[in-house]
N, C-alpha and C. Protein backbone atom coordinates (compact mmCIF):
# COMPACT_ATOMS: atom_id res chain seq x y z
N MET A 1 -13.41 46.63 -10.64
CA MET A 1 -13.61 45.26 -11.02
C MET A 1 -15.11 45.03 -11.24
N SER A 2 -15.47 44.37 -12.31
CA SER A 2 -16.88 44.17 -12.64
C SER A 2 -17.49 43.09 -11.76
N LYS A 3 -18.80 43.08 -11.73
CA LYS A 3 -19.53 42.11 -10.94
C LYS A 3 -19.26 40.69 -11.46
N GLN A 4 -19.16 40.54 -12.79
CA GLN A 4 -18.89 39.24 -13.38
C GLN A 4 -17.51 38.72 -12.95
N SER A 5 -16.53 39.60 -12.93
CA SER A 5 -15.19 39.19 -12.52
C SER A 5 -15.17 38.73 -11.07
N SER A 6 -15.86 39.43 -10.21
CA SER A 6 -15.94 39.05 -8.79
C SER A 6 -16.64 37.71 -8.63
N GLU A 7 -17.71 37.52 -9.39
CA GLU A 7 -18.44 36.25 -9.31
C GLU A 7 -17.56 35.10 -9.82
N ARG A 8 -16.83 35.35 -10.88
CA ARG A 8 -15.94 34.33 -11.45
C ARG A 8 -14.83 33.96 -10.45
N ILE A 9 -14.26 34.96 -9.80
CA ILE A 9 -13.21 34.71 -8.80
C ILE A 9 -13.79 33.90 -7.64
N ALA A 10 -14.98 34.26 -7.18
CA ALA A 10 -15.63 33.54 -6.08
C ALA A 10 -15.90 32.09 -6.48
N GLU A 11 -16.33 31.88 -7.72
CA GLU A 11 -16.60 30.53 -8.21
C GLU A 11 -15.31 29.70 -8.27
N GLU A 12 -14.25 30.28 -8.79
CA GLU A 12 -12.97 29.57 -8.87
C GLU A 12 -12.42 29.27 -7.47
N LEU A 13 -12.60 30.20 -6.54
CA LEU A 13 -12.17 29.97 -5.17
C LEU A 13 -12.94 28.81 -4.54
N ALA A 14 -14.24 28.76 -4.75
CA ALA A 14 -15.06 27.68 -4.22
C ALA A 14 -14.63 26.33 -4.81
N GLN A 15 -14.32 26.31 -6.10
CA GLN A 15 -13.86 25.08 -6.74
C GLN A 15 -12.52 24.64 -6.16
N ALA A 16 -11.63 25.58 -5.96
CA ALA A 16 -10.32 25.26 -5.39
C ALA A 16 -10.47 24.73 -3.97
N GLN A 17 -11.37 25.31 -3.19
CA GLN A 17 -11.59 24.84 -1.82
C GLN A 17 -12.16 23.42 -1.84
N ASP A 18 -13.06 23.12 -2.78
CA ASP A 18 -13.61 21.77 -2.91
C ASP A 18 -12.51 20.76 -3.26
N ARG A 19 -11.63 21.12 -4.19
CA ARG A 19 -10.54 20.23 -4.57
C ARG A 19 -9.61 19.99 -3.38
N TYR A 20 -9.34 21.04 -2.62
CA TYR A 20 -8.49 20.92 -1.43
C TYR A 20 -9.12 19.98 -0.41
N LYS A 21 -10.41 20.14 -0.14
CA LYS A 21 -11.10 19.29 0.82
C LYS A 21 -11.07 17.83 0.38
N ARG A 22 -11.27 17.58 -0.92
CA ARG A 22 -11.22 16.20 -1.43
C ARG A 22 -9.82 15.62 -1.28
N ALA A 23 -8.80 16.41 -1.53
CA ALA A 23 -7.42 15.93 -1.40
C ALA A 23 -7.09 15.60 0.05
N VAL A 24 -7.53 16.43 0.98
CA VAL A 24 -7.29 16.17 2.40
C VAL A 24 -8.03 14.91 2.83
N GLN A 25 -9.27 14.76 2.38
CA GLN A 25 -10.05 13.57 2.73
C GLN A 25 -9.39 12.31 2.16
N GLN A 26 -8.91 12.37 0.92
CA GLN A 26 -8.26 11.22 0.31
C GLN A 26 -6.98 10.88 1.07
N ALA A 27 -6.22 11.87 1.46
CA ALA A 27 -4.98 11.63 2.22
C ALA A 27 -5.29 10.96 3.55
N GLN A 28 -6.35 11.39 4.23
CA GLN A 28 -6.72 10.77 5.50
C GLN A 28 -7.16 9.32 5.30
N GLU A 29 -7.92 9.07 4.24
CA GLU A 29 -8.36 7.70 3.96
C GLU A 29 -7.17 6.80 3.63
N LEU A 30 -6.23 7.30 2.85
CA LEU A 30 -5.06 6.51 2.49
C LEU A 30 -4.18 6.25 3.70
N HIS A 31 -4.12 7.21 4.61
CA HIS A 31 -3.29 7.05 5.81
C HIS A 31 -3.75 5.85 6.63
N GLU A 32 -5.04 5.56 6.61
CA GLU A 32 -5.60 4.48 7.41
C GLU A 32 -5.53 3.12 6.71
N LYS A 33 -5.33 3.10 5.41
CA LYS A 33 -5.31 1.84 4.67
C LYS A 33 -3.94 1.19 4.73
N GLN A 34 -3.96 -0.13 4.72
CA GLN A 34 -2.71 -0.89 4.69
C GLN A 34 -2.78 -1.93 3.58
N VAL A 35 -1.63 -2.30 3.10
CA VAL A 35 -1.48 -3.36 2.11
C VAL A 35 -0.74 -4.50 2.80
N VAL A 36 -1.33 -5.69 2.75
CA VAL A 36 -0.70 -6.88 3.35
C VAL A 36 -0.34 -7.82 2.20
N VAL A 37 0.93 -8.22 2.16
CA VAL A 37 1.42 -9.08 1.09
C VAL A 37 2.01 -10.34 1.72
N ASP A 38 1.57 -11.49 1.25
CA ASP A 38 2.12 -12.75 1.75
C ASP A 38 3.47 -13.02 1.11
N LEU A 39 4.39 -13.50 1.93
CA LEU A 39 5.68 -13.95 1.42
C LEU A 39 5.48 -15.35 0.83
N GLU A 40 6.19 -15.64 -0.23
CA GLU A 40 6.06 -16.96 -0.83
C GLU A 40 6.53 -18.04 0.14
N SER A 41 6.15 -19.25 -0.12
CA SER A 41 6.49 -20.42 0.71
C SER A 41 5.98 -20.29 2.14
N ASP A 42 4.93 -19.48 2.33
CA ASP A 42 4.31 -19.31 3.65
C ASP A 42 5.31 -18.83 4.70
N LEU A 43 6.27 -18.00 4.26
CA LEU A 43 7.29 -17.50 5.19
C LEU A 43 6.79 -16.37 6.07
N GLY A 44 5.68 -15.75 5.72
CA GLY A 44 5.15 -14.66 6.52
C GLY A 44 4.45 -13.63 5.67
N GLN A 45 4.42 -12.40 6.17
CA GLN A 45 3.74 -11.30 5.49
C GLN A 45 4.51 -9.99 5.69
N LEU A 46 4.31 -9.09 4.74
CA LEU A 46 4.76 -7.71 4.88
C LEU A 46 3.52 -6.84 4.97
N VAL A 47 3.61 -5.78 5.77
CA VAL A 47 2.52 -4.82 5.89
C VAL A 47 3.08 -3.46 5.50
N LEU A 48 2.41 -2.82 4.53
CA LEU A 48 2.83 -1.50 4.06
C LEU A 48 1.68 -0.52 4.20
N THR A 49 2.02 0.75 4.30
CA THR A 49 0.98 1.78 4.24
C THR A 49 0.56 1.96 2.79
N ALA A 50 -0.50 2.68 2.57
CA ALA A 50 -0.94 2.97 1.21
C ALA A 50 0.05 3.88 0.49
N TYR A 51 1.01 4.41 1.22
CA TYR A 51 2.06 5.23 0.62
C TYR A 51 3.31 4.40 0.31
N GLY A 52 3.23 3.08 0.55
CA GLY A 52 4.34 2.19 0.23
C GLY A 52 5.40 2.08 1.30
N GLN A 53 5.14 2.58 2.49
CA GLN A 53 6.11 2.49 3.58
C GLN A 53 5.92 1.17 4.32
N LEU A 54 7.00 0.47 4.54
CA LEU A 54 6.97 -0.80 5.25
C LEU A 54 6.75 -0.53 6.73
N VAL A 55 5.69 -1.12 7.31
CA VAL A 55 5.41 -0.89 8.73
C VAL A 55 5.58 -2.15 9.58
N ALA A 56 5.54 -3.34 8.94
CA ALA A 56 5.70 -4.56 9.73
C ALA A 56 6.16 -5.71 8.84
N VAL A 57 6.95 -6.57 9.44
CA VAL A 57 7.36 -7.83 8.82
C VAL A 57 6.93 -8.92 9.80
N ARG A 58 6.04 -9.77 9.34
CA ARG A 58 5.55 -10.87 10.17
C ARG A 58 6.12 -12.16 9.61
N LEU A 59 6.96 -12.82 10.38
CA LEU A 59 7.60 -14.04 9.90
C LEU A 59 6.98 -15.26 10.55
N ASN A 60 6.81 -16.30 9.76
CA ASN A 60 6.31 -17.57 10.23
C ASN A 60 7.52 -18.40 10.68
N THR A 61 7.75 -18.43 11.97
CA THR A 61 8.96 -19.07 12.49
C THR A 61 9.02 -20.56 12.20
N GLU A 62 7.87 -21.20 12.06
CA GLU A 62 7.85 -22.63 11.74
C GLU A 62 8.43 -22.89 10.35
N GLU A 63 8.15 -21.99 9.41
CA GLU A 63 8.60 -22.18 8.03
C GLU A 63 10.02 -21.67 7.80
N LEU A 64 10.51 -20.82 8.69
CA LEU A 64 11.85 -20.25 8.52
C LEU A 64 12.95 -21.31 8.55
N ARG A 65 12.69 -22.42 9.22
CA ARG A 65 13.74 -23.45 9.29
C ARG A 65 14.02 -24.08 7.93
N TYR A 66 13.11 -23.87 6.97
CA TYR A 66 13.30 -24.41 5.61
C TYR A 66 13.91 -23.37 4.66
N ALA A 67 14.17 -22.20 5.16
CA ALA A 67 14.69 -21.12 4.31
C ALA A 67 16.08 -20.72 4.78
N ASN A 68 16.88 -20.26 3.83
CA ASN A 68 18.17 -19.68 4.20
C ASN A 68 18.06 -18.16 4.06
N GLY A 69 19.10 -17.47 4.45
CA GLY A 69 19.07 -16.00 4.42
C GLY A 69 18.82 -15.44 3.03
N ARG A 70 19.44 -16.05 2.04
CA ARG A 70 19.28 -15.55 0.67
C ARG A 70 17.85 -15.73 0.17
N SER A 71 17.27 -16.89 0.39
CA SER A 71 15.90 -17.12 -0.09
C SER A 71 14.90 -16.24 0.64
N LEU A 72 15.13 -16.01 1.93
CA LEU A 72 14.25 -15.12 2.69
C LEU A 72 14.36 -13.69 2.18
N ALA A 73 15.58 -13.25 1.94
CA ALA A 73 15.78 -11.89 1.43
C ALA A 73 15.12 -11.71 0.07
N GLU A 74 15.24 -12.70 -0.80
CA GLU A 74 14.61 -12.62 -2.13
C GLU A 74 13.09 -12.61 -2.01
N ALA A 75 12.55 -13.44 -1.11
CA ALA A 75 11.09 -13.46 -0.92
C ALA A 75 10.59 -12.12 -0.40
N ILE A 76 11.34 -11.51 0.53
CA ILE A 76 10.95 -10.20 1.06
C ILE A 76 11.05 -9.14 -0.03
N LYS A 77 12.09 -9.20 -0.83
CA LYS A 77 12.27 -8.21 -1.90
C LYS A 77 11.11 -8.29 -2.90
N ARG A 78 10.75 -9.51 -3.32
CA ARG A 78 9.64 -9.66 -4.28
C ARG A 78 8.31 -9.20 -3.67
N ALA A 79 8.07 -9.55 -2.42
CA ALA A 79 6.83 -9.14 -1.76
C ALA A 79 6.78 -7.62 -1.58
N LEU A 80 7.92 -7.01 -1.29
CA LEU A 80 7.97 -5.56 -1.13
C LEU A 80 7.65 -4.87 -2.45
N GLU A 81 8.21 -5.36 -3.54
CA GLU A 81 7.90 -4.79 -4.86
C GLU A 81 6.41 -4.93 -5.17
N GLN A 82 5.85 -6.09 -4.87
CA GLN A 82 4.43 -6.31 -5.11
C GLN A 82 3.59 -5.37 -4.24
N GLY A 83 3.97 -5.23 -2.98
CA GLY A 83 3.24 -4.35 -2.08
C GLY A 83 3.31 -2.89 -2.49
N GLU A 84 4.48 -2.46 -2.96
CA GLU A 84 4.61 -1.08 -3.43
C GLU A 84 3.72 -0.83 -4.63
N GLU A 85 3.60 -1.82 -5.51
CA GLU A 85 2.72 -1.67 -6.68
C GLU A 85 1.25 -1.62 -6.24
N GLN A 86 0.87 -2.46 -5.30
CA GLN A 86 -0.51 -2.43 -4.80
C GLN A 86 -0.81 -1.09 -4.13
N ALA A 87 0.14 -0.56 -3.39
CA ALA A 87 -0.04 0.73 -2.74
C ALA A 87 -0.17 1.84 -3.78
N ARG A 88 0.63 1.77 -4.83
CA ARG A 88 0.54 2.77 -5.90
C ARG A 88 -0.84 2.73 -6.54
N GLN A 89 -1.37 1.54 -6.75
CA GLN A 89 -2.70 1.42 -7.35
C GLN A 89 -3.79 1.98 -6.44
N LEU A 90 -3.59 1.89 -5.12
CA LEU A 90 -4.54 2.51 -4.20
C LEU A 90 -4.51 4.03 -4.33
N ARG A 91 -3.30 4.56 -4.45
CA ARG A 91 -3.15 6.02 -4.54
C ARG A 91 -3.55 6.57 -5.89
N GLU A 92 -3.27 5.81 -6.95
CA GLU A 92 -3.45 6.29 -8.32
C GLU A 92 -4.28 5.30 -9.12
N PRO A 93 -5.57 5.18 -8.81
CA PRO A 93 -6.37 4.21 -9.57
C PRO A 93 -6.39 4.58 -11.05
N GLU A 94 -6.30 3.54 -11.88
CA GLU A 94 -6.29 3.78 -13.33
C GLU A 94 -7.69 4.13 -13.81
N GLU A 95 -7.74 4.98 -14.81
CA GLU A 95 -9.01 5.35 -15.41
C GLU A 95 -9.50 4.17 -16.26
N PRO A 96 -10.82 3.94 -16.30
CA PRO A 96 -11.34 2.88 -17.16
C PRO A 96 -10.99 3.16 -18.62
N ASN A 97 -10.84 2.07 -19.39
CA ASN A 97 -10.52 2.21 -20.82
C ASN A 97 -11.55 3.08 -21.50
N GLY A 98 -11.10 3.90 -22.40
CA GLY A 98 -11.99 4.76 -23.16
C GLY A 98 -12.16 6.15 -22.56
N TRP A 99 -11.69 6.35 -21.34
CA TRP A 99 -11.79 7.67 -20.73
C TRP A 99 -10.54 8.47 -21.03
N ILE A 100 -10.73 9.71 -21.22
CA ILE A 100 -9.60 10.61 -21.51
C ILE A 100 -9.43 11.57 -20.39
């Protein structure tokens, strides 16, 4: 194997290790982030991880007396969809316009 080939392999290995370290760091940062979404009509909040997993439902018991089961379920469903989209944007930020 030539010296150039060995140097090229070492360079590619170093680049791969850098990419791996960045991916691990990003995963750790995302693990610590949370997305909090307010339920409409001040019914409460949903808390999701940056991976879109629901970790808490906080309900405002004072406002619940004005809601029925169906309206609460719909509010939670809409907030969950919104939270999942926000979490996706944390994980996959869009490139600025004009970038390829």
